[in-house]
Amino acid sequence: MLKKKRMILAALAVAMILAFAGSALAYCGRYGDGWGLGRDDGRGLYGHGFGGPWLWDSNASVPQEIRDKADEARDVMDELRAELSKNPVDKDRALALFRKGRDIRNEISEWFFLQRVESISQGTAKSQ
């Protein structure tokens, strides 16, 4: 009887783990939420990621340089995704692409942060 209960509990635990993993995969996709390798259809850079909807979606003046950097970051992540799909993976190239993408995203993020600080100091920031 005790062995049967243990089997049932083990089966329930496995079912719960699989349900959790399945829902996480359905929500975030294979590679996560877009920060690392997931395809975010541009929303992470153009809408609700850097700076949030209060800046990009409000037709604010975003310099072409920042828009170009966002495009470049997406291209680098596409290259990284392609590199990681190879077998064997060129670790040095993958790391270089990861760092390049991270640096570009940091530049974009810094620009949005400075815009936010400026809008707060001028009293024109929209509430989120």
N, C-alpha and C. Protein backbone atom coordinates (compact mmCIF):
# COMPACT_ATOMS: atom_id res chain seq x y z
N MET A 1 0.82 -1.20 0.00
CA MET A 1 0.00 0.00 0.00
C MET A 1 0.86 1.26 0.00
N LEU A 2 1.92 1.25 0.81
CA LEU A 2 2.81 2.41 0.89
C LEU A 2 3.55 2.61 -0.43
N LYS A 3 3.94 1.53 -1.06
CA LYS A 3 4.62 1.61 -2.34
C LYS A 3 3.70 2.19 -3.41
N LYS A 4 2.43 1.84 -3.38
CA LYS A 4 1.46 2.34 -4.34
C LYS A 4 1.25 3.85 -4.16
N LYS A 5 1.20 4.30 -2.92
CA LYS A 5 1.04 5.73 -2.64
C LYS A 5 2.26 6.52 -3.14
N ARG A 6 3.45 5.94 -2.95
CA ARG A 6 4.66 6.60 -3.42
C ARG A 6 4.66 6.72 -4.94
N MET A 7 4.20 5.68 -5.61
CA MET A 7 4.13 5.71 -7.06
C MET A 7 3.15 6.79 -7.54
N ILE A 8 2.02 6.88 -6.86
CA ILE A 8 1.02 7.89 -7.23
C ILE A 8 1.58 9.29 -7.00
N LEU A 9 2.24 9.51 -5.86
CA LEU A 9 2.83 10.81 -5.57
C LEU A 9 3.93 11.16 -6.58
N ALA A 10 4.74 10.18 -6.94
CA ALA A 10 5.79 10.43 -7.92
C ALA A 10 5.18 10.78 -9.28
N ALA A 11 4.13 10.09 -9.67
CA ALA A 11 3.47 10.38 -10.95
C ALA A 11 2.85 11.77 -10.93
N LEU A 12 2.25 12.14 -9.82
CA LEU A 12 1.67 13.48 -9.69
C LEU A 12 2.76 14.56 -9.76
N ALA A 13 3.89 14.30 -9.10
CA ALA A 13 4.98 15.27 -9.13
C ALA A 13 5.51 15.45 -10.56
N VAL A 14 5.68 14.37 -11.28
CA VAL A 14 6.14 14.45 -12.66
C VAL A 14 5.13 15.20 -13.51
N ALA A 15 3.85 14.92 -13.32
CA ALA A 15 2.80 15.60 -14.09
C ALA A 15 2.81 17.10 -13.79
N MET A 16 3.00 17.48 -12.54
CA MET A 16 3.04 18.90 -12.17
C MET A 16 4.25 19.59 -12.79
N ILE A 17 5.39 18.92 -12.78
CA ILE A 17 6.60 19.50 -13.37
C ILE A 17 6.42 19.69 -14.87
N LEU A 18 5.86 18.70 -15.53
CA LEU A 18 5.62 18.81 -16.98
C LEU A 18 4.61 19.90 -17.30
N ALA A 19 3.58 20.03 -16.48
CA ALA A 19 2.59 21.08 -16.70
C ALA A 19 3.22 22.46 -16.53
N PHE A 20 4.05 22.62 -15.50
CA PHE A 20 4.73 23.89 -15.27
C PHE A 20 5.67 24.22 -16.42
N ALA A 21 6.48 23.23 -16.82
CA ALA A 21 7.42 23.45 -17.92
C ALA A 21 6.69 23.77 -19.22
N GLY A 22 5.59 23.09 -19.47
CA GLY A 22 4.81 23.35 -20.68
C GLY A 22 4.22 24.75 -20.69
N SER A 23 3.71 25.19 -19.56
CA SER A 23 3.14 26.53 -19.51
C SER A 23 4.23 27.59 -19.63
N ALA A 24 5.41 27.34 -19.06
CA ALA A 24 6.52 28.29 -19.18
C ALA A 24 6.98 28.36 -20.63
N LEU A 25 7.04 27.23 -21.30
CA LEU A 25 7.44 27.21 -22.71
C LEU A 25 6.41 27.94 -23.57
N ALA A 26 5.14 27.73 -23.27
CA ALA A 26 4.09 28.40 -24.04
C ALA A 26 4.12 29.92 -23.81
N TYR A 27 4.45 30.34 -22.61
CA TYR A 27 4.45 31.76 -22.29
C TYR A 27 5.70 32.46 -22.82
N CYS A 28 6.88 31.90 -22.59
CA CYS A 28 8.13 32.57 -22.92
C CYS A 28 8.75 32.11 -24.22
N GLY A 29 8.35 31.00 -24.74
CA GLY A 29 9.00 30.49 -25.93
C GLY A 29 10.25 29.71 -25.56
N ARG A 30 10.91 29.20 -26.56
CA ARG A 30 12.06 28.33 -26.32
C ARG A 30 13.21 29.05 -25.65
N TYR A 31 13.45 30.30 -26.02
CA TYR A 31 14.64 30.99 -25.54
C TYR A 31 14.36 32.05 -24.49
N GLY A 32 13.19 32.16 -23.97
CA GLY A 32 12.95 33.13 -22.92
C GLY A 32 12.12 34.29 -23.39
N ASP A 33 12.33 35.43 -22.77
CA ASP A 33 11.45 36.57 -22.96
C ASP A 33 11.99 37.60 -23.94
N GLY A 34 12.97 37.27 -24.72
CA GLY A 34 13.48 38.22 -25.69
C GLY A 34 14.78 38.86 -25.27
N TRP A 35 15.13 38.76 -24.02
CA TRP A 35 16.37 39.37 -23.58
C TRP A 35 17.57 38.66 -24.18
N GLY A 36 17.56 37.35 -24.13
CA GLY A 36 18.72 36.62 -24.62
C GLY A 36 18.60 36.30 -26.09
N LEU A 37 17.83 35.29 -26.43
CA LEU A 37 17.81 34.82 -27.79
C LEU A 37 16.42 34.76 -28.40
N GLY A 38 15.40 34.96 -27.60
CA GLY A 38 14.04 34.82 -28.12
C GLY A 38 13.70 35.89 -29.14
N ARG A 39 12.90 35.55 -30.09
CA ARG A 39 12.45 36.51 -31.10
C ARG A 39 11.31 37.30 -30.49
N ASP A 40 11.45 38.60 -30.43
CA ASP A 40 10.42 39.42 -29.79
C ASP A 40 9.66 40.28 -30.77
N ASP A 41 9.82 40.07 -32.06
CA ASP A 41 9.12 40.80 -33.10
C ASP A 41 9.31 42.31 -32.99
N GLY A 42 10.38 42.72 -32.35
CA GLY A 42 10.68 44.14 -32.26
C GLY A 42 10.02 44.86 -31.10
N ARG A 43 9.07 44.22 -30.45
CA ARG A 43 8.38 44.91 -29.36
C ARG A 43 9.31 45.22 -28.21
N GLY A 44 10.31 44.37 -27.98
CA GLY A 44 11.25 44.63 -26.91
C GLY A 44 12.05 45.90 -27.15
N LEU A 45 12.35 46.19 -28.40
CA LEU A 45 13.12 47.38 -28.72
C LEU A 45 12.23 48.54 -29.14
N TYR A 46 11.12 48.25 -29.76
CA TYR A 46 10.30 49.31 -30.34
C TYR A 46 9.05 49.64 -29.54
N GLY A 47 8.78 48.95 -28.45
CA GLY A 47 7.52 49.24 -27.80
C GLY A 47 7.58 49.22 -26.30
N HIS A 48 7.73 48.07 -25.74
CA HIS A 48 7.55 47.95 -24.30
C HIS A 48 8.81 47.53 -23.58
N GLY A 49 9.93 47.52 -24.25
CA GLY A 49 11.18 47.13 -23.62
C GLY A 49 11.94 48.36 -23.19
N PHE A 50 12.76 48.88 -24.04
CA PHE A 50 13.59 50.03 -23.70
C PHE A 50 12.73 51.29 -23.67
N GLY A 51 12.55 51.83 -22.49
CA GLY A 51 11.83 53.08 -22.38
C GLY A 51 10.34 52.92 -22.19
N GLY A 52 9.81 51.79 -22.53
CA GLY A 52 8.39 51.55 -22.35
C GLY A 52 7.54 52.26 -23.38
N PRO A 53 6.24 52.00 -23.35
CA PRO A 53 5.34 52.57 -24.34
C PRO A 53 5.21 54.08 -24.23
N TRP A 54 5.54 54.66 -23.09
CA TRP A 54 5.39 56.10 -22.91
C TRP A 54 6.31 56.89 -23.83
N LEU A 55 7.39 56.28 -24.30
CA LEU A 55 8.33 57.03 -25.11
C LEU A 55 8.23 56.66 -26.59
N TRP A 56 8.39 55.41 -26.90
CA TRP A 56 8.45 55.00 -28.30
C TRP A 56 7.09 55.07 -28.97
N ASP A 57 6.05 54.59 -28.28
CA ASP A 57 4.72 54.54 -28.87
C ASP A 57 4.03 55.89 -28.90
N SER A 58 4.59 56.88 -28.26
CA SER A 58 3.94 58.19 -28.19
C SER A 58 4.39 59.11 -29.33
N ASN A 59 4.99 58.53 -30.36
CA ASN A 59 5.51 59.30 -31.49
C ASN A 59 6.55 60.32 -31.07
N ALA A 60 7.24 60.00 -29.98
CA ALA A 60 8.31 60.88 -29.53
C ALA A 60 9.43 60.88 -30.57
N SER A 61 10.21 61.89 -30.53
CA SER A 61 11.30 62.01 -31.50
C SER A 61 12.43 61.08 -31.10
N VAL A 62 12.49 59.93 -31.75
CA VAL A 62 13.56 58.97 -31.52
C VAL A 62 14.51 59.09 -32.70
N PRO A 63 15.76 59.43 -32.44
CA PRO A 63 16.70 59.63 -33.54
C PRO A 63 16.86 58.38 -34.40
N GLN A 64 17.14 58.60 -35.65
CA GLN A 64 17.34 57.49 -36.57
C GLN A 64 18.50 56.62 -36.11
N GLU A 65 19.48 57.22 -35.48
CA GLU A 65 20.63 56.46 -34.98
C GLU A 65 20.18 55.38 -33.98
N ILE A 66 19.25 55.72 -33.11
CA ILE A 66 18.75 54.75 -32.12
C ILE A 66 17.93 53.68 -32.82
N ARG A 67 17.11 54.08 -33.78
CA ARG A 67 16.32 53.09 -34.54
C ARG A 67 17.26 52.14 -35.31
N ASP A 68 18.33 52.69 -35.86
CA ASP A 68 19.30 51.85 -36.57
C ASP A 68 20.00 50.88 -35.62
N LYS A 69 20.31 51.36 -34.42
CA LYS A 69 20.94 50.48 -33.43
C LYS A 69 19.99 49.34 -33.04
N ALA A 70 18.71 49.64 -32.94
CA ALA A 70 17.74 48.60 -32.62
C ALA A 70 17.70 47.54 -33.73
N ASP A 71 17.74 48.01 -34.97
CA ASP A 71 17.77 47.07 -36.10
C ASP A 71 19.06 46.24 -36.07
N GLU A 72 20.16 46.90 -35.78
CA GLU A 72 21.44 46.20 -35.72
C GLU A 72 21.45 45.15 -34.60
N ALA A 73 20.86 45.50 -33.46
CA ALA A 73 20.79 44.54 -32.34
C ALA A 73 19.99 43.31 -32.75
N ARG A 74 18.89 43.52 -33.46
CA ARG A 74 18.09 42.37 -33.93
C ARG A 74 18.89 41.52 -34.92
N ASP A 75 19.63 42.17 -35.81
CA ASP A 75 20.44 41.43 -36.78
C ASP A 75 21.52 40.61 -36.08
N VAL A 76 22.16 41.21 -35.07
CA VAL A 76 23.20 40.49 -34.33
C VAL A 76 22.59 39.29 -33.60
N MET A 77 21.42 39.47 -33.02
CA MET A 77 20.77 38.35 -32.33
C MET A 77 20.38 37.25 -33.32
N ASP A 78 20.00 37.64 -34.53
CA ASP A 78 19.71 36.63 -35.56
C ASP A 78 20.97 35.85 -35.91
N GLU A 79 22.10 36.56 -36.04
CA GLU A 79 23.37 35.89 -36.31
C GLU A 79 23.74 34.94 -35.18
N LEU A 80 23.53 35.41 -33.94
CA LEU A 80 23.85 34.59 -32.78
C LEU A 80 22.98 33.33 -32.77
N ARG A 81 21.70 33.51 -33.05
CA ARG A 81 20.79 32.36 -33.09
C ARG A 81 21.25 31.36 -34.14
N ALA A 82 21.68 31.85 -35.30
CA ALA A 82 22.17 30.97 -36.36
C ALA A 82 23.45 30.26 -35.93
N GLU A 83 24.34 30.99 -35.28
CA GLU A 83 25.59 30.38 -34.80
C GLU A 83 25.32 29.29 -33.78
N LEU A 84 24.37 29.53 -32.90
CA LEU A 84 24.06 28.54 -31.86
C LEU A 84 23.34 27.32 -32.41
N SER A 85 22.81 27.43 -33.62
CA SER A 85 22.12 26.28 -34.20
C SER A 85 23.11 25.33 -34.89
N LYS A 86 24.36 25.77 -35.03
CA LYS A 86 25.37 24.93 -35.68
C LYS A 86 25.89 23.88 -34.70
N ASN A 87 26.43 22.81 -35.28
CA ASN A 87 27.02 21.77 -34.45
C ASN A 87 28.35 21.39 -35.05
N PRO A 88 29.46 21.69 -34.46
CA PRO A 88 29.65 22.30 -33.15
C PRO A 88 29.56 23.82 -33.23
N VAL A 89 29.26 24.41 -32.10
CA VAL A 89 29.14 25.87 -32.01
C VAL A 89 30.54 26.47 -31.89
N ASP A 90 30.79 27.52 -32.65
CA ASP A 90 32.03 28.29 -32.51
C ASP A 90 31.84 29.20 -31.29
N LYS A 91 32.37 28.76 -30.17
CA LYS A 91 32.12 29.47 -28.90
C LYS A 91 32.65 30.90 -28.92
N ASP A 92 33.80 31.10 -29.52
CA ASP A 92 34.38 32.45 -29.56
C ASP A 92 33.51 33.40 -30.37
N ARG A 93 33.04 32.93 -31.52
CA ARG A 93 32.17 33.77 -32.36
C ARG A 93 30.84 34.03 -31.65
N ALA A 94 30.28 32.99 -31.03
CA ALA A 94 29.01 33.16 -30.32
C ALA A 94 29.15 34.16 -29.19
N LEU A 95 30.23 34.06 -28.44
CA LEU A 95 30.45 35.00 -27.33
C LEU A 95 30.65 36.42 -27.85
N ALA A 96 31.38 36.56 -28.96
CA ALA A 96 31.59 37.89 -29.53
C ALA A 96 30.26 38.49 -30.00
N LEU A 97 29.41 37.68 -30.63
CA LEU A 97 28.11 38.17 -31.07
C LEU A 97 27.23 38.54 -29.88
N PHE A 98 27.26 37.71 -28.85
CA PHE A 98 26.48 38.00 -27.64
C PHE A 98 26.91 39.34 -27.04
N ARG A 99 28.21 39.53 -26.91
CA ARG A 99 28.72 40.77 -26.32
C ARG A 99 28.39 41.98 -27.19
N LYS A 100 28.48 41.82 -28.50
CA LYS A 100 28.15 42.93 -29.41
C LYS A 100 26.67 43.31 -29.26
N GLY A 101 25.80 42.32 -29.23
CA GLY A 101 24.37 42.58 -29.05
C GLY A 101 24.08 43.23 -27.71
N ARG A 102 24.74 42.74 -26.67
CA ARG A 102 24.56 43.31 -25.34
C ARG A 102 25.00 44.76 -25.30
N ASP A 103 26.14 45.05 -25.92
CA ASP A 103 26.64 46.43 -25.93
C ASP A 103 25.69 47.37 -26.67
N ILE A 104 25.15 46.91 -27.78
CA ILE A 104 24.20 47.73 -28.54
C ILE A 104 22.94 47.98 -27.71
N ARG A 105 22.42 46.92 -27.08
CA ARG A 105 21.22 47.08 -26.25
C ARG A 105 21.49 48.02 -25.08
N ASN A 106 22.70 47.97 -24.52
CA ASN A 106 23.04 48.88 -23.43
C ASN A 106 23.05 50.33 -23.90
N GLU A 107 23.57 50.58 -25.10
CA GLU A 107 23.56 51.94 -25.65
C GLU A 107 22.13 52.45 -25.82
N ILE A 108 21.28 51.60 -26.36
CA ILE A 108 19.88 51.98 -26.57
C ILE A 108 19.20 52.24 -25.23
N SER A 109 19.43 51.34 -24.30
CA SER A 109 18.83 51.47 -22.98
C SER A 109 19.27 52.75 -22.28
N GLU A 110 20.55 53.07 -22.42
CA GLU A 110 21.06 54.30 -21.82
C GLU A 110 20.39 55.53 -22.43
N TRP A 111 20.21 55.53 -23.74
CA TRP A 111 19.56 56.67 -24.39
C TRP A 111 18.13 56.84 -23.86
N PHE A 112 17.38 55.72 -23.77
CA PHE A 112 16.02 55.81 -23.26
C PHE A 112 15.99 56.26 -21.81
N PHE A 113 16.95 55.78 -21.02
CA PHE A 113 17.02 56.19 -19.63
C PHE A 113 17.26 57.69 -19.52
N LEU A 114 18.19 58.18 -20.30
CA LEU A 114 18.48 59.62 -20.26
C LEU A 114 17.27 60.44 -20.72
N GLN A 115 16.53 59.94 -21.70
CA GLN A 115 15.31 60.63 -22.13
C GLN A 115 14.29 60.67 -21.01
N ARG A 116 14.18 59.56 -20.29
CA ARG A 116 13.23 59.48 -19.17
C ARG A 116 13.62 60.47 -18.07
N VAL A 117 14.90 60.50 -17.74
CA VAL A 117 15.37 61.42 -16.71
C VAL A 117 15.10 62.86 -17.12
N GLU A 118 15.35 63.16 -18.38
CA GLU A 118 15.11 64.51 -18.89
C GLU A 118 13.64 64.88 -18.81
N SER A 119 12.77 63.93 -19.17
CA SER A 119 11.33 64.23 -19.14
C SER A 119 10.84 64.39 -17.69
N ILE A 120 11.44 63.66 -16.77
CA ILE A 120 11.07 63.81 -15.36
C ILE A 120 11.52 65.18 -14.86
N SER A 121 12.73 65.57 -15.20
CA SER A 121 13.26 66.85 -14.73
C SER A 121 12.47 68.03 -15.32
N GLN A 122 11.87 67.84 -16.48
CA GLN A 122 11.06 68.90 -17.09
C GLN A 122 9.60 68.80 -16.67
N GLY A 123 9.26 67.76 -15.94
CA GLY A 123 7.88 67.58 -15.48
C GLY A 123 6.93 67.14 -16.57
N THR A 124 7.46 66.51 -17.63
CA THR A 124 6.60 66.09 -18.74
C THR A 124 6.43 64.59 -18.82
N ALA A 125 6.89 63.86 -17.83
CA ALA A 125 6.82 62.39 -17.88
C ALA A 125 5.37 61.94 -17.70
N LYS A 126 4.99 60.97 -18.51
CA LYS A 126 3.67 60.36 -18.38
C LYS A 126 3.75 59.26 -17.33
N SER A 127 2.69 59.07 -16.60
CA SER A 127 2.68 57.97 -15.63
C SER A 127 2.53 56.66 -16.37
N GLN A 128 3.15 55.64 -15.81
CA GLN A 128 3.14 54.33 -16.49
C GLN A 128 1.92 53.54 -16.13
